[in-house]
Amino acid sequence: MDKQAILARMTQIEDHIGELYKELGGLKQQIVQMLEENTRLELENQALRERLEQTAPFGKSQPEKSADPTGQENSGEGHDNLARLYNEGFHICNVHYGNMRSNGDCLFCLSFLNKTSQEEK
């Protein structure tokens, strides 16, 4: 092989390595997304299992939820459930409802929690 052919072959190999590196980066990003989704699903699964343990076993009827004397359900329970979901790391705002919070507190969620707690008073 002459020097030009060696240089051309070297350039081809370098280009091929660059393409493989880009492909490897794409695969890495897909793995990161899958791991994030897996973590979210594990947390959701754990929360559902805990909730299932709190409910009555299958086949038994659950007691009816009591209403207050005015005929309305206790709205504090709904607020408590939303606060619990938020504390478990999920969004409760209408913008990102049900998604995992990854960057700390969400102003929309906090605003919603404060709004619902003030309405109860």
C-alpha atoms as a PDB file:
ATOM      1  CA  MET A   1       0.000   0.000   0.000  1.00  0.00           C
ATOM      2  CA  ASP A   2       1.179   3.464  -0.726  1.00  0.00           C
ATOM      3  CA  LYS A   3       1.052   6.355   1.709  1.00  0.00           C
ATOM      4  CA  GLN A   4      -2.086   7.890   0.177  1.00  0.00           C
ATOM      5  CA  ALA A   5      -4.012   4.614   0.482  1.00  0.00           C
ATOM      6  CA  ILE A   6      -2.945   4.232   4.108  1.00  0.00           C
ATOM      7  CA  LEU A   7      -4.036   7.791   4.880  1.00  0.00           C
ATOM      8  CA  ALA A   8      -7.380   7.250   3.115  1.00  0.00           C
ATOM      9  CA  ARG A   9      -7.962   4.011   5.030  1.00  0.00           C
ATOM     10  CA  MET A  10      -7.039   5.733   8.303  1.00  0.00           C
ATOM     11  CA  THR A  11      -9.564   8.521   7.570  1.00  0.00           C
ATOM     12  CA  GLN A  12     -12.275   5.927   6.820  1.00  0.00           C
ATOM     13  CA  ILE A  13     -11.594   4.149  10.096  1.00  0.00           C
ATOM     14  CA  GLU A  14     -11.651   7.455  11.984  1.00  0.00           C
ATOM     15  CA  ASP A  15     -14.997   8.387  10.416  1.00  0.00           C
ATOM     16  CA  HIS A  16     -16.390   4.942  11.246  1.00  0.00           C
ATOM     17  CA  ILE A  17     -15.231   5.270  14.879  1.00  0.00           C
ATOM     18  CA  GLY A  18     -16.953   8.687  15.045  1.00  0.00           C
ATOM     19  CA  GLU A  19     -20.216   7.178  13.806  1.00  0.00           C
ATOM     20  CA  LEU A  20     -19.950   4.327  16.311  1.00  0.00           C
ATOM     21  CA  TYR A  21     -19.294   6.844  19.088  1.00  0.00           C
ATOM     22  CA  LYS A  22     -22.450   8.778  18.156  1.00  0.00           C
ATOM     23  CA  GLU A  23     -24.453   5.554  18.081  1.00  0.00           C
ATOM     24  CA  LEU A  24     -23.042   4.568  21.460  1.00  0.00           C
ATOM     25  CA  GLY A  25     -24.066   7.965  22.849  1.00  0.00           C
ATOM     26  CA  GLY A  26     -27.612   7.448  21.565  1.00  0.00           C
ATOM     27  CA  LEU A  27     -27.803   4.019  23.156  1.00  0.00           C
ATOM     28  CA  LYS A  28     -26.511   5.445  26.430  1.00  0.00           C
ATOM     29  CA  GLN A  29     -29.249   8.097  26.383  1.00  0.00           C
ATOM     30  CA  GLN A  30     -31.885   5.414  25.783  1.00  0.00           C
ATOM     31  CA  ILE A  31     -30.555   3.414  28.741  1.00  0.00           C
ATOM     32  CA  VAL A  32     -30.711   6.509  30.959  1.00  0.00           C
ATOM     33  CA  GLN A  33     -34.336   7.082  29.941  1.00  0.00           C
ATOM     34  CA  MET A  34     -35.183   3.431  30.606  1.00  0.00           C
ATOM     35  CA  LEU A  35     -33.548   3.580  34.051  1.00  0.00           C
ATOM     36  CA  GLU A  36     -35.487   6.744  34.919  1.00  0.00           C
ATOM     37  CA  GLU A  37     -38.739   5.149  33.804  1.00  0.00           C
ATOM     38  CA  ASN A  38     -37.893   1.971  35.716  1.00  0.00           C
ATOM     39  CA  THR A  39     -37.288   3.989  38.895  1.00  0.00           C
ATOM     40  CA  ARG A  40     -40.549   5.879  38.425  1.00  0.00           C
ATOM     41  CA  LEU A  41     -42.458   2.638  37.902  1.00  0.00           C
ATOM     42  CA  GLU A  42     -40.840   1.004  40.942  1.00  0.00           C
ATOM     43  CA  LEU A  43     -41.863   3.959  43.122  1.00  0.00           C
ATOM     44  CA  GLU A  44     -45.374   3.895  41.725  1.00  0.00           C
ATOM     45  CA  ASN A  45     -45.576   0.127  42.220  1.00  0.00           C
ATOM     46  CA  GLN A  46     -44.389   0.439  45.824  1.00  0.00           C
ATOM     47  CA  ALA A  47     -46.963   3.170  46.517  1.00  0.00           C
ATOM     48  CA  LEU A  48     -49.726   1.034  45.001  1.00  0.00           C
ATOM     49  CA  ARG A  49     -48.688  -1.975  47.085  1.00  0.00           C
ATOM     50  CA  GLU A  50     -48.760   0.128  50.251  1.00  0.00           C
ATOM     51  CA  ARG A  51     -52.164   1.452  49.310  1.00  0.00           C
ATOM     52  CA  LEU A  52     -53.392  -2.068  48.602  1.00  0.00           C
ATOM     53  CA  GLU A  53     -52.196  -3.210  52.022  1.00  0.00           C
ATOM     54  CA  GLN A  54     -54.179  -0.390  53.625  1.00  0.00           C
ATOM     55  CA  THR A  55     -57.421  -1.423  51.944  1.00  0.00           C
ATOM     56  CA  ALA A  56     -59.582  -4.355  52.956  1.00  0.00           C
ATOM     57  CA  PRO A  57     -58.659  -7.790  51.547  1.00  0.00           C
ATOM     58  CA  PHE A  58     -60.345  -8.927  48.353  1.00  0.00           C
ATOM     59  CA  GLY A  59     -63.823 -10.304  48.729  1.00  0.00           C
ATOM     60  CA  LYS A  60     -64.714  -8.215  51.766  1.00  0.00           C
ATOM     61  CA  SER A  61     -66.823  -5.151  51.355  1.00  0.00           C
ATOM     62  CA  GLN A  62     -65.285  -1.884  52.400  1.00  0.00           C
ATOM     63  CA  PRO A  63     -67.236   0.452  54.659  1.00  0.00           C
ATOM     64  CA  GLU A  64     -68.839   3.376  52.929  1.00  0.00           C
ATOM     65  CA  LYS A  65     -67.118   6.702  53.365  1.00  0.00           C
ATOM     66  CA  SER A  66     -69.024   8.862  55.771  1.00  0.00           C
ATOM     67  CA  ALA A  67     -70.282  12.218  54.694  1.00  0.00           C
ATOM     68  CA  ASP A  68     -70.477  15.239  56.919  1.00  0.00           C
ATOM     69  CA  PRO A  69     -73.900  16.519  58.063  1.00  0.00           C
ATOM     70  CA  THR A  70     -74.170  18.851  55.072  1.00  0.00           C
ATOM     71  CA  GLY A  71     -74.000  15.894  52.696  1.00  0.00           C
ATOM     72  CA  GLN A  72     -70.558  16.718  51.281  1.00  0.00           C
ATOM     73  CA  GLU A  73     -67.573  14.396  51.459  1.00  0.00           C
ATOM     74  CA  ASN A  74     -64.635  15.325  53.620  1.00  0.00           C
ATOM     75  CA  SER A  75     -62.427  17.362  51.275  1.00  0.00           C
ATOM     76  CA  GLY A  76     -59.473  17.183  53.684  1.00  0.00           C
ATOM     77  CA  GLU A  77     -58.885  13.582  52.648  1.00  0.00           C
ATOM     78  CA  GLY A  78     -58.354  14.599  49.009  1.00  0.00           C
ATOM     79  CA  HIS A  79     -55.937  17.330  50.030  1.00  0.00           C
ATOM     80  CA  ASP A  80     -54.058  14.846  52.230  1.00  0.00           C
ATOM     81  CA  ASN A  81     -53.776  12.403  49.327  1.00  0.00           C
ATOM     82  CA  LEU A  82     -52.418  15.113  47.027  1.00  0.00           C
ATOM     83  CA  ALA A  83     -49.933  16.231  49.676  1.00  0.00           C
ATOM     84  CA  ARG A  84     -48.819  12.618  50.123  1.00  0.00           C
ATOM     85  CA  LEU A  85     -48.316  12.195  46.363  1.00  0.00           C
ATOM     86  CA  TYR A  86     -46.323  15.419  46.241  1.00  0.00           C
ATOM     87  CA  ASN A  87     -44.147  14.302  49.158  1.00  0.00           C
ATOM     88  CA  GLU A  88     -43.520  10.981  47.385  1.00  0.00           C
ATOM     89  CA  GLY A  89     -41.995  12.932  44.501  1.00  0.00           C
ATOM     90  CA  PHE A  90     -44.859  13.285  42.017  1.00  0.00           C
ATOM     91  CA  HIS A  91     -46.289  16.422  40.432  1.00  0.00           C
ATOM     92  CA  ILE A  92     -49.869  17.270  41.417  1.00  0.00           C
ATOM     93  CA  CYS A  93     -50.198  20.406  39.297  1.00  0.00           C
ATOM     94  CA  ASN A  94     -52.194  20.447  36.077  1.00  0.00           C
ATOM     95  CA  VAL A  95     -49.014  21.170  34.100  1.00  0.00           C
ATOM     96  CA  HIS A  96     -47.104  17.950  34.912  1.00  0.00           C
ATOM     97  CA  TYR A  97     -49.623  15.846  36.866  1.00  0.00           C
ATOM     98  CA  GLY A  98     -48.339  12.368  37.711  1.00  0.00           C
ATOM     99  CA  ASN A  99     -44.782  12.891  36.449  1.00  0.00           C
ATOM    100  CA  MET A 100     -41.814  12.485  38.766  1.00  0.00           C
ATOM    101  CA  ARG A 101     -40.369  15.701  40.214  1.00  0.00           C
ATOM    102  CA  SER A 102     -36.663  15.679  39.440  1.00  0.00           C
ATOM    103  CA  ASN A 103     -35.598  19.258  40.120  1.00  0.00           C
ATOM    104  CA  GLY A 104     -36.786  19.895  43.675  1.00  0.00           C
ATOM    105  CA  ASP A 105     -40.012  21.696  44.468  1.00  0.00           C
ATOM    106  CA  CYS A 106     -42.513  22.738  41.815  1.00  0.00           C
ATOM    107  CA  LEU A 107     -44.033  26.188  42.236  1.00  0.00           C
ATOM    108  CA  PHE A 108     -47.239  25.136  40.467  1.00  0.00           C
ATOM    109  CA  CYS A 109     -47.701  22.189  42.836  1.00  0.00           C
ATOM    110  CA  LEU A 110     -46.941  24.268  45.924  1.00  0.00           C
ATOM    111  CA  SER A 111     -49.332  26.968  44.757  1.00  0.00           C
ATOM    112  CA  PHE A 112     -52.036  24.348  44.229  1.00  0.00           C
ATOM    113  CA  LEU A 113     -51.452  22.838  47.698  1.00  0.00           C
ATOM    114  CA  ASN A 114     -51.620  26.273  49.333  1.00  0.00           C
ATOM    115  CA  LYS A 115     -54.773  27.152  47.386  1.00  0.00           C
ATOM    116  CA  THR A 116     -56.602  23.958  48.399  1.00  0.00           C
ATOM    117  CA  SER A 117     -55.554  24.272  52.050  1.00  0.00           C
ATOM    118  CA  GLN A 118     -56.875  27.857  52.170  1.00  0.00           C
ATOM    119  CA  GLU A 119     -60.201  26.813  50.607  1.00  0.00           C
ATOM    120  CA  GLU A 120     -60.722  24.274  53.399  1.00  0.00           C
ATOM    121  CA  LYS A 121     -60.532  26.969  56.070  1.00  0.00           C
END
